[in-house]
Amino acid sequence: MSTFMAGRITTALNLALLISPCSAALSQTPPEISQTSHRVRIRIINAQTNKPVANERLNVSLHKDQVGFTLMPTDKNGIIVVNTEDATEMHVLSNFYADCRSRGELYTNYSLATIWSSGITAGNLCSSAKPAPKPGDLILFVIPKTYIPTMGQPPATSFPHSDENPNLH
């Protein structure tokens, strides 16, 4: 057997070894969600269609050390499973979609104990949907940024510090 053929066979075997654990992981049932598993399930729902949002990338920050955040993609069912380790709070911001929470709630740190015991459905200013959460779930509502209602133009004013009307001083 030539060196070239042996190299190709080795490459094929290495690829098979890499792919087989991935396919096994994809076929397994979702991980258990509980305080003992240190996992939380974040569900992202389109507030206009009430359908899951796939391919959103949330900014997730666990507040055990309050350092930085991680971009986490949703799966095809709009779900992210987060391993919370020793954290006690979680902060989440949407990325590619407009968040439907009120401005005050956008900066809320959600208690992981509350999420594990009863679940949390975040505020939803974009529709009347408010499903009951399951223990271990944090439900967030978003809408595509193209659907954000636009307001009319603000009234034109001239400010004293503006260079538009230098003779108004």
Protein backbone atom coordinates (compact mmCIF):
# COMPACT_ATOMS: atom_id res chain seq x y z
CA MET A 1 0.00 0.00 0.00
CA SER A 2 1.34 3.41 -0.89
CA THR A 3 2.09 6.11 1.67
CA PHE A 4 -0.52 8.30 0.01
CA MET A 5 -3.27 5.67 0.45
CA ALA A 6 -2.26 4.98 4.06
CA GLY A 7 -2.50 8.71 4.83
CA ARG A 8 -5.98 8.94 3.29
CA ILE A 9 -7.20 5.91 5.27
CA THR A 10 -5.82 7.37 8.50
CA THR A 11 -7.56 10.69 7.76
CA ALA A 12 -10.85 8.91 7.07
CA LEU A 13 -10.59 6.94 10.32
CA ASN A 14 -9.83 10.12 12.30
CA LEU A 15 -12.87 11.84 10.78
CA ALA A 16 -15.06 8.85 11.64
CA LEU A 17 -13.86 8.97 15.24
CA LEU A 18 -14.61 12.70 15.45
CA ILE A 19 -18.08 12.41 13.91
CA SER A 20 -19.33 9.37 15.83
CA PRO A 21 -19.34 11.02 19.32
CA CYS A 22 -21.07 14.10 17.86
CA SER A 23 -23.84 12.07 16.23
CA ALA A 24 -24.33 10.07 19.43
CA ALA A 25 -24.65 13.28 21.43
CA LEU A 26 -27.23 14.67 18.99
CA SER A 27 -29.40 11.56 19.22
CA GLN A 28 -29.56 11.55 23.03
CA THR A 29 -32.48 12.97 24.98
CA PRO A 30 -32.10 16.51 26.33
CA PRO A 31 -30.20 16.76 29.61
CA GLU A 32 -32.10 16.80 32.88
CA ILE A 33 -32.91 20.33 34.05
CA SER A 34 -32.68 20.77 37.81
CA GLN A 35 -30.70 22.41 40.54
CA THR A 36 -28.77 19.21 41.12
CA SER A 37 -27.80 19.07 37.44
CA HIS A 38 -26.73 22.74 37.56
CA ARG A 39 -28.53 23.38 34.27
CA VAL A 40 -31.10 25.92 33.11
CA ARG A 41 -33.08 25.84 29.88
CA ILE A 42 -33.56 29.22 28.17
CA ARG A 43 -36.45 29.24 25.68
CA ILE A 44 -36.57 32.04 23.09
CA ILE A 45 -39.99 32.69 21.54
CA ASN A 46 -40.96 35.06 18.72
CA ALA A 47 -43.64 37.22 20.37
CA GLN A 48 -45.48 37.79 17.09
CA THR A 49 -45.70 34.17 15.94
CA ASN A 50 -45.33 32.32 19.29
CA LYS A 51 -42.83 30.04 17.55
CA PRO A 52 -39.33 29.19 18.79
CA VAL A 53 -36.47 31.33 17.48
CA ALA A 54 -33.64 29.26 16.02
CA ASN A 55 -30.15 30.66 15.50
CA GLU A 56 -30.43 33.54 17.97
CA ARG A 57 -27.20 34.12 19.87
CA LEU A 58 -27.87 35.24 23.42
CA ASN A 59 -25.40 37.05 25.63
CA VAL A 60 -25.44 34.92 28.78
CA SER A 61 -23.61 35.95 31.92
CA LEU A 62 -23.45 33.81 35.05
CA HIS A 63 -22.90 35.89 38.17
CA LYS A 64 -20.58 33.80 40.22
CA ASP A 65 -17.62 35.89 39.17
CA GLN A 66 -19.43 38.61 37.14
CA VAL A 67 -16.76 38.62 34.48
CA GLY A 68 -17.80 38.85 30.85
CA PHE A 69 -20.48 36.93 29.00
CA THR A 70 -20.75 34.08 26.55
CA LEU A 71 -22.54 34.11 23.20
CA MET A 72 -24.74 31.02 23.15
CA PRO A 73 -26.75 29.92 20.08
CA THR A 74 -30.28 28.55 20.28
CA ASP A 75 -31.01 25.20 18.70
CA LYS A 76 -33.73 24.57 16.09
CA ASN A 77 -36.30 24.57 18.94
CA GLY A 78 -35.19 27.97 20.26
CA ILE A 79 -33.57 26.42 23.34
CA ILE A 80 -30.24 26.92 25.04
CA VAL A 81 -29.21 24.63 27.89
CA VAL A 82 -26.79 26.46 30.19
CA ASN A 83 -24.53 24.71 32.66
CA THR A 84 -24.66 27.12 35.60
CA GLU A 85 -21.97 25.47 37.73
CA ASP A 86 -21.78 27.36 41.06
CA ALA A 87 -23.54 30.56 39.93
CA THR A 88 -26.53 31.98 41.82
CA GLU A 89 -27.75 34.50 39.22
CA MET A 90 -27.96 34.76 35.46
CA HIS A 91 -28.16 37.76 33.14
CA VAL A 92 -29.37 37.35 29.54
CA LEU A 93 -29.53 39.78 26.60
CA SER A 94 -30.74 39.10 23.07
CA ASN A 95 -28.40 39.75 20.20
CA PHE A 96 -29.87 39.54 16.69
CA TYR A 97 -33.47 40.11 17.76
CA ALA A 98 -35.20 42.93 19.64
CA ASP A 99 -35.92 41.99 23.25
CA CYS A 100 -39.55 42.36 24.40
CA ARG A 101 -38.77 42.98 28.08
CA SER A 102 -39.19 46.42 29.58
CA ARG A 103 -36.08 48.56 29.83
CA GLY A 104 -35.91 47.98 33.59
CA GLU A 105 -36.14 44.21 33.20
CA LEU A 106 -33.44 44.09 30.52
CA TYR A 107 -30.82 44.50 33.22
CA THR A 108 -32.34 42.03 35.66
CA ASN A 109 -30.23 39.31 37.20
CA TYR A 110 -32.49 36.25 37.36
CA SER A 111 -32.21 34.07 40.46
CA LEU A 112 -31.23 30.53 39.53
CA ALA A 113 -32.99 29.21 42.64
CA THR A 114 -36.27 30.73 41.37
CA ILE A 115 -35.71 29.34 37.87
CA TRP A 116 -35.09 25.84 39.27
CA SER A 117 -38.02 25.91 41.69
CA SER A 118 -40.78 27.41 39.52
CA GLY A 119 -39.31 28.79 36.29
CA ILE A 120 -39.56 32.37 35.04
CA THR A 121 -41.42 33.91 32.13
CA ALA A 122 -39.87 37.30 31.38
CA GLY A 123 -41.96 40.36 30.60
CA ASN A 124 -43.43 40.66 27.12
CA LEU A 125 -44.27 44.13 25.80
CA CYS A 126 -44.62 42.83 22.22
CA SER A 127 -47.70 40.62 22.60
CA SER A 128 -50.12 39.23 25.17
CA ALA A 129 -48.43 35.81 25.26
CA LYS A 130 -47.37 34.76 28.76
CA PRO A 131 -47.01 30.98 28.98
CA ALA A 132 -46.51 29.38 32.37
CA PRO A 133 -42.90 28.27 32.77
CA LYS A 134 -41.80 24.84 33.94
CA PRO A 135 -39.25 24.49 36.73
CA GLY A 136 -35.79 24.96 35.20
CA ASP A 137 -37.06 27.20 32.36
CA LEU A 138 -36.40 30.88 31.64
CA ILE A 139 -38.69 32.03 28.82
CA LEU A 140 -37.80 35.18 26.86
CA PHE A 141 -39.74 36.91 24.06
CA VAL A 142 -38.13 38.63 21.08
CA ILE A 143 -39.17 40.03 17.72
CA PRO A 144 -37.13 40.52 14.55
CA LYS A 145 -35.54 43.96 14.57
CA THR A 146 -37.28 44.77 11.28
CA TYR A 147 -40.63 44.72 13.13
CA ILE A 148 -39.74 47.39 15.68
CA PRO A 149 -42.37 50.11 15.24
CA THR A 150 -40.90 53.39 14.08
CA MET A 151 -41.91 56.67 15.60
CA GLY A 152 -42.39 59.90 13.69
CA GLN A 153 -39.56 62.37 13.35
CA PRO A 154 -38.99 64.50 16.44
CA PRO A 155 -39.83 68.19 16.08
CA ALA A 156 -37.06 70.28 14.62
CA THR A 157 -35.62 72.59 17.23
CA SER A 158 -32.69 74.92 17.32
CA PHE A 159 -30.49 74.68 20.35
CA PRO A 160 -28.49 77.67 21.60
CA HIS A 161 -25.27 75.68 21.27
CA SER A 162 -26.08 74.61 17.71
CA ASP A 163 -24.26 76.09 14.74
CA GLU A 164 -27.48 75.96 12.69
CA ASN A 165 -28.75 79.36 13.87
CA PRO A 166 -25.71 81.36 15.00
CA ASN A 167 -27.72 84.66 15.22
CA LEU A 168 -30.15 83.42 17.89
CA HIS A 169 -27.78 84.07 20.82
